[in-house]
Amino acid sequence: MSDDVLSIDTIAKLVQTIVDQKEGLSPEVLLEWYQIIQEDYQKIAPEEFRDKFTVIQDPILPMKFKVDISKRAISYLVKAIEDNLPKMPIATKIYFMKVEDTIQENYKREGTKS
């Protein structure tokens, strides 16, 4: 009997993990985290860079976000993302780590153009 209860508990935990992962990548959750990151960015960026970062959610494809940031303001955005990663669900954390990598790759690619 205790094996059955243990199995049910294990399955329940697994189901909850799957639900948490799915919810961590919902457009609503991602938008909330973008807003938190944007607020933190506003707090740490110098006055001259505060209007240099915007995020726009695609109205047709809600999982798609357009991040617009000045090259000189990237370090403040990366700091805001890094500061929030420990607070995020794992799926959201992985998403924002990829956002961070993409931003930095684009900056490096743009910096090497003549």
N, C-alpha and C. Protein backbone atom coordinates (compact mmCIF):
# COMPACT_ATOMS: atom_id res chain seq x y z
N MET A 1 0.82 -1.20 0.00
CA MET A 1 0.00 0.00 0.00
C MET A 1 0.86 1.26 0.00
N SER A 2 1.93 1.28 0.78
CA SER A 2 2.77 2.47 0.82
C SER A 2 3.47 2.70 -0.51
N ASP A 3 3.75 1.62 -1.26
CA ASP A 3 4.35 1.77 -2.58
C ASP A 3 3.39 2.49 -3.52
N ASP A 4 2.09 2.21 -3.42
CA ASP A 4 1.09 2.87 -4.25
C ASP A 4 1.03 4.37 -3.93
N VAL A 5 1.07 4.71 -2.65
CA VAL A 5 1.03 6.11 -2.25
C VAL A 5 2.28 6.83 -2.73
N LEU A 6 3.41 6.19 -2.61
CA LEU A 6 4.66 6.77 -3.07
C LEU A 6 4.61 7.00 -4.58
N SER A 7 4.07 6.06 -5.30
CA SER A 7 3.97 6.19 -6.75
C SER A 7 3.02 7.33 -7.12
N ILE A 8 1.93 7.45 -6.42
CA ILE A 8 0.98 8.53 -6.69
C ILE A 8 1.62 9.88 -6.38
N ASP A 9 2.36 9.98 -5.26
CA ASP A 9 3.06 11.21 -4.93
C ASP A 9 4.09 11.56 -5.99
N THR A 10 4.82 10.58 -6.45
CA THR A 10 5.83 10.80 -7.48
C THR A 10 5.19 11.28 -8.77
N ILE A 11 4.10 10.66 -9.15
CA ILE A 11 3.39 11.06 -10.36
C ILE A 11 2.83 12.47 -10.21
N ALA A 12 2.28 12.77 -9.05
CA ALA A 12 1.73 14.11 -8.80
C ALA A 12 2.83 15.17 -8.91
N LYS A 13 4.01 14.88 -8.36
CA LYS A 13 5.13 15.82 -8.46
C LYS A 13 5.57 16.00 -9.91
N LEU A 14 5.60 14.92 -10.65
CA LEU A 14 5.98 14.98 -12.06
C LEU A 14 4.98 15.80 -12.86
N VAL A 15 3.70 15.58 -12.61
CA VAL A 15 2.66 16.35 -13.28
C VAL A 15 2.80 17.83 -12.95
N GLN A 16 3.04 18.15 -11.69
CA GLN A 16 3.21 19.55 -11.29
C GLN A 16 4.43 20.17 -11.96
N THR A 17 5.50 19.42 -12.09
CA THR A 17 6.70 19.91 -12.77
C THR A 17 6.40 20.23 -14.22
N ILE A 18 5.66 19.35 -14.88
CA ILE A 18 5.29 19.58 -16.28
C ILE A 18 4.41 20.81 -16.42
N VAL A 19 3.44 20.95 -15.53
CA VAL A 19 2.55 22.12 -15.56
C VAL A 19 3.36 23.39 -15.32
N ASP A 20 4.27 23.37 -14.36
CA ASP A 20 5.11 24.55 -14.07
C ASP A 20 5.95 24.92 -15.29
N GLN A 21 6.50 23.92 -15.96
CA GLN A 21 7.32 24.19 -17.15
C GLN A 21 6.47 24.83 -18.25
N LYS A 22 5.29 24.29 -18.46
CA LYS A 22 4.41 24.83 -19.50
C LYS A 22 4.00 26.27 -19.16
N GLU A 23 3.63 26.50 -17.91
CA GLU A 23 3.21 27.84 -17.50
C GLU A 23 4.35 28.83 -17.54
N GLY A 24 5.59 28.37 -17.32
CA GLY A 24 6.75 29.25 -17.34
C GLY A 24 7.05 29.82 -18.71
N LEU A 25 6.48 29.23 -19.74
CA LEU A 25 6.69 29.71 -21.11
C LEU A 25 5.41 30.28 -21.72
N SER A 26 4.43 30.56 -20.92
CA SER A 26 3.21 31.15 -21.46
C SER A 26 3.48 32.61 -21.81
N PRO A 27 2.79 33.14 -22.81
CA PRO A 27 3.00 34.55 -23.17
C PRO A 27 2.77 35.51 -22.01
N GLU A 28 1.81 35.19 -21.16
CA GLU A 28 1.51 36.05 -20.03
C GLU A 28 2.67 36.10 -19.03
N VAL A 29 3.24 34.92 -18.75
CA VAL A 29 4.36 34.85 -17.81
C VAL A 29 5.58 35.56 -18.40
N LEU A 30 5.86 35.32 -19.66
CA LEU A 30 7.00 35.98 -20.29
C LEU A 30 6.83 37.49 -20.30
N LEU A 31 5.62 37.96 -20.59
CA LEU A 31 5.37 39.40 -20.59
C LEU A 31 5.59 39.98 -19.19
N GLU A 32 5.13 39.28 -18.17
CA GLU A 32 5.34 39.75 -16.79
C GLU A 32 6.83 39.88 -16.48
N TRP A 33 7.60 38.90 -16.90
CA TRP A 33 9.04 38.95 -16.64
C TRP A 33 9.72 40.04 -17.46
N TYR A 34 9.28 40.23 -18.69
CA TYR A 34 9.82 41.35 -19.47
C TYR A 34 9.54 42.67 -18.75
N GLN A 35 8.36 42.81 -18.18
CA GLN A 35 8.01 44.04 -17.46
C GLN A 35 8.87 44.22 -16.21
N ILE A 36 9.10 43.12 -15.48
CA ILE A 36 9.96 43.18 -14.29
C ILE A 36 11.38 43.57 -14.69
N ILE A 37 11.88 42.95 -15.75
CA ILE A 37 13.23 43.26 -16.22
C ILE A 37 13.31 44.71 -16.68
N GLN A 38 12.28 45.18 -17.36
CA GLN A 38 12.27 46.56 -17.83
C GLN A 38 12.26 47.53 -16.64
N GLU A 39 11.50 47.22 -15.61
CA GLU A 39 11.48 48.07 -14.41
C GLU A 39 12.85 48.10 -13.74
N ASP A 40 13.48 46.95 -13.64
CA ASP A 40 14.81 46.90 -13.02
C ASP A 40 15.83 47.62 -13.89
N TYR A 41 15.71 47.48 -15.19
CA TYR A 41 16.58 48.21 -16.11
C TYR A 41 16.46 49.71 -15.87
N GLN A 42 15.24 50.19 -15.73
CA GLN A 42 15.00 51.61 -15.50
C GLN A 42 15.68 52.09 -14.22
N LYS A 43 15.75 51.23 -13.22
CA LYS A 43 16.36 51.60 -11.95
C LYS A 43 17.88 51.68 -12.03
N ILE A 44 18.49 50.81 -12.84
CA ILE A 44 19.96 50.75 -12.85
C ILE A 44 20.60 51.52 -14.00
N ALA A 45 19.85 51.76 -15.07
CA ALA A 45 20.42 52.46 -16.22
C ALA A 45 20.53 53.96 -15.94
N PRO A 46 21.60 54.57 -16.42
CA PRO A 46 21.70 56.03 -16.29
C PRO A 46 20.54 56.71 -17.03
N GLU A 47 20.24 57.90 -16.62
CA GLU A 47 19.11 58.66 -17.19
C GLU A 47 19.14 58.66 -18.72
N GLU A 48 20.30 58.84 -19.30
CA GLU A 48 20.41 58.95 -20.76
C GLU A 48 20.06 57.66 -21.50
N PHE A 49 20.03 56.51 -20.79
CA PHE A 49 19.74 55.23 -21.43
C PHE A 49 18.36 54.68 -21.08
N ARG A 50 17.64 55.34 -20.21
CA ARG A 50 16.37 54.78 -19.73
C ARG A 50 15.33 54.59 -20.82
N ASP A 51 15.38 55.40 -21.86
CA ASP A 51 14.41 55.25 -22.95
C ASP A 51 14.98 54.44 -24.12
N LYS A 52 16.11 53.79 -23.90
CA LYS A 52 16.79 53.06 -24.97
C LYS A 52 16.48 51.57 -24.97
N PHE A 53 15.52 51.14 -24.16
CA PHE A 53 15.14 49.73 -24.11
C PHE A 53 13.62 49.62 -24.12
N THR A 54 13.10 48.93 -25.13
CA THR A 54 11.67 48.67 -25.20
C THR A 54 11.43 47.22 -25.60
N VAL A 55 10.29 46.72 -25.16
CA VAL A 55 9.86 45.37 -25.51
C VAL A 55 8.44 45.49 -26.03
N ILE A 56 8.21 44.88 -27.19
CA ILE A 56 6.88 44.90 -27.79
C ILE A 56 6.45 43.47 -28.06
N GLN A 57 5.28 43.12 -27.53
CA GLN A 57 4.73 41.80 -27.75
C GLN A 57 3.94 41.82 -29.06
N ASP A 58 4.19 40.84 -29.91
CA ASP A 58 3.48 40.75 -31.18
C ASP A 58 2.00 40.46 -30.91
N PRO A 59 1.09 41.28 -31.45
CA PRO A 59 -0.33 41.07 -31.18
C PRO A 59 -0.90 39.81 -31.84
N ILE A 60 -0.28 39.37 -32.92
CA ILE A 60 -0.77 38.18 -33.62
C ILE A 60 -0.12 36.91 -33.09
N LEU A 61 1.18 36.98 -32.81
CA LEU A 61 1.92 35.85 -32.25
C LEU A 61 2.39 36.23 -30.85
N PRO A 62 1.57 35.99 -29.84
CA PRO A 62 1.88 36.49 -28.49
C PRO A 62 3.15 35.90 -27.87
N MET A 63 3.69 34.83 -28.42
CA MET A 63 4.95 34.27 -27.91
C MET A 63 6.15 35.00 -28.49
N LYS A 64 5.91 35.91 -29.43
CA LYS A 64 6.99 36.63 -30.09
C LYS A 64 7.10 38.03 -29.48
N PHE A 65 8.33 38.38 -29.09
CA PHE A 65 8.60 39.69 -28.51
C PHE A 65 9.71 40.36 -29.30
N LYS A 66 9.57 41.65 -29.51
CA LYS A 66 10.62 42.43 -30.17
C LYS A 66 11.32 43.24 -29.09
N VAL A 67 12.62 43.00 -28.96
CA VAL A 67 13.43 43.74 -28.00
C VAL A 67 14.24 44.76 -28.77
N ASP A 68 14.09 46.01 -28.41
CA ASP A 68 14.83 47.09 -29.05
C ASP A 68 15.68 47.75 -27.98
N ILE A 69 17.01 47.72 -28.19
CA ILE A 69 17.92 48.29 -27.19
C ILE A 69 19.12 48.92 -27.87
N SER A 70 19.56 50.00 -27.31
CA SER A 70 20.77 50.67 -27.77
C SER A 70 21.98 49.81 -27.41
N LYS A 71 22.97 49.78 -28.28
CA LYS A 71 24.18 49.00 -28.01
C LYS A 71 24.83 49.42 -26.70
N ARG A 72 24.83 50.70 -26.43
CA ARG A 72 25.48 51.20 -25.22
C ARG A 72 24.70 50.86 -23.95
N ALA A 73 23.46 50.42 -24.08
CA ALA A 73 22.64 50.11 -22.92
C ALA A 73 22.55 48.61 -22.64
N ILE A 74 23.18 47.80 -23.48
CA ILE A 74 23.08 46.34 -23.34
C ILE A 74 23.55 45.86 -21.98
N SER A 75 24.61 46.41 -21.47
CA SER A 75 25.14 45.93 -20.18
C SER A 75 24.12 46.09 -19.06
N TYR A 76 23.31 47.14 -19.11
CA TYR A 76 22.30 47.36 -18.08
C TYR A 76 21.15 46.35 -18.22
N LEU A 77 20.80 46.02 -19.46
CA LEU A 77 19.77 45.01 -19.69
C LEU A 77 20.26 43.64 -19.22
N VAL A 78 21.48 43.30 -19.56
CA VAL A 78 22.05 42.02 -19.14
C VAL A 78 22.06 41.93 -17.61
N LYS A 79 22.42 43.01 -16.95
CA LYS A 79 22.42 43.02 -15.48
C LYS A 79 21.01 42.81 -14.94
N ALA A 80 20.02 43.47 -15.54
CA ALA A 80 18.63 43.31 -15.09
C ALA A 80 18.16 41.86 -15.29
N ILE A 81 18.54 41.26 -16.39
CA ILE A 81 18.17 39.86 -16.64
C ILE A 81 18.86 38.97 -15.61
N GLU A 82 20.17 39.14 -15.46
CA GLU A 82 20.95 38.31 -14.52
C GLU A 82 20.40 38.40 -13.10
N ASP A 83 20.03 39.59 -12.68
CA ASP A 83 19.50 39.78 -11.33
C ASP A 83 18.19 39.04 -11.11
N ASN A 84 17.43 38.82 -12.18
CA ASN A 84 16.12 38.19 -12.06
C ASN A 84 16.12 36.69 -12.35
N LEU A 85 17.16 36.16 -12.95
CA LEU A 85 17.19 34.74 -13.29
C LEU A 85 16.91 33.82 -12.10
N PRO A 86 17.51 34.07 -10.92
CA PRO A 86 17.25 33.15 -9.80
C PRO A 86 15.79 33.11 -9.35
N LYS A 87 15.03 34.12 -9.66
CA LYS A 87 13.63 34.20 -9.22
C LYS A 87 12.67 33.52 -10.20
N MET A 88 13.16 33.17 -11.38
CA MET A 88 12.29 32.67 -12.45
C MET A 88 12.11 31.16 -12.38
N PRO A 89 10.95 30.68 -12.87
CA PRO A 89 10.81 29.23 -13.06
C PRO A 89 11.86 28.78 -14.08
N ILE A 90 12.25 27.52 -14.04
CA ILE A 90 13.36 27.03 -14.86
C ILE A 90 13.13 27.27 -16.35
N ALA A 91 11.94 27.04 -16.85
CA ALA A 91 11.68 27.24 -18.28
C ALA A 91 11.82 28.72 -18.65
N THR A 92 11.34 29.58 -17.80
CA THR A 92 11.45 31.03 -18.04
C THR A 92 12.91 31.45 -17.97
N LYS A 93 13.64 30.89 -17.02
CA LYS A 93 15.06 31.19 -16.86
C LYS A 93 15.83 30.82 -18.13
N ILE A 94 15.57 29.65 -18.66
CA ILE A 94 16.25 29.21 -19.88
C ILE A 94 15.89 30.13 -21.04
N TYR A 95 14.64 30.52 -21.14
CA TYR A 95 14.20 31.45 -22.19
C TYR A 95 15.00 32.75 -22.11
N PHE A 96 15.09 33.34 -20.91
CA PHE A 96 15.78 34.62 -20.78
C PHE A 96 17.29 34.50 -20.90
N MET A 97 17.83 33.34 -20.57
CA MET A 97 19.25 33.12 -20.83
C MET A 97 19.51 33.13 -22.34
N LYS A 98 18.59 32.56 -23.09
CA LYS A 98 18.71 32.57 -24.55
C LYS A 98 18.53 33.99 -25.09
N VAL A 99 17.60 34.75 -24.53
CA VAL A 99 17.42 36.15 -24.93
C VAL A 99 18.72 36.91 -24.71
N GLU A 100 19.31 36.71 -23.56
CA GLU A 100 20.57 37.38 -23.22
C GLU A 100 21.67 37.00 -24.22
N ASP A 101 21.80 35.71 -24.51
CA ASP A 101 22.80 35.25 -25.48
C ASP A 101 22.56 35.86 -26.86
N THR A 102 21.31 35.89 -27.29
CA THR A 102 20.97 36.43 -28.60
C THR A 102 21.32 37.91 -28.69
N ILE A 103 21.00 38.66 -27.66
CA ILE A 103 21.32 40.09 -27.64
C ILE A 103 22.83 40.29 -27.73
N GLN A 104 23.57 39.53 -26.95
CA GLN A 104 25.03 39.68 -26.97
C GLN A 104 25.63 39.23 -28.30
N GLU A 105 25.10 38.17 -28.90
CA GLU A 105 25.57 37.72 -30.21
C GLU A 105 25.30 38.79 -31.27
N ASN A 106 24.11 39.37 -31.25
CA ASN A 106 23.78 40.43 -32.20
C ASN A 106 24.70 41.63 -32.03
N TYR A 107 25.00 41.96 -30.79
CA TYR A 107 25.89 43.11 -30.53
C TYR A 107 27.29 42.82 -31.09
N LYS A 108 27.80 41.61 -30.84
CA LYS A 108 29.13 41.25 -31.35
C LYS A 108 29.14 41.25 -32.87
N ARG A 109 28.09 40.71 -33.48
CA ARG A 109 28.00 40.65 -34.95
C ARG A 109 27.94 42.06 -35.54
N GLU A 110 27.16 42.93 -34.93
CA GLU A 110 27.05 44.32 -35.42
C GLU A 110 28.37 45.06 -35.21
N GLY A 111 29.07 44.73 -34.13
CA GLY A 111 30.33 45.40 -33.83
C GLY A 111 31.45 45.02 -34.80
N THR A 112 31.33 43.87 -35.46
CA THR A 112 32.38 43.45 -36.39
C THR A 112 32.13 43.91 -37.80
N LYS A 113 30.97 44.50 -38.08
CA LYS A 113 30.69 45.02 -39.41
C LYS A 113 31.48 46.29 -39.66
N SER A 114 31.92 46.46 -40.88
CA SER A 114 32.68 47.68 -41.23
C SER A 114 31.78 48.79 -41.66
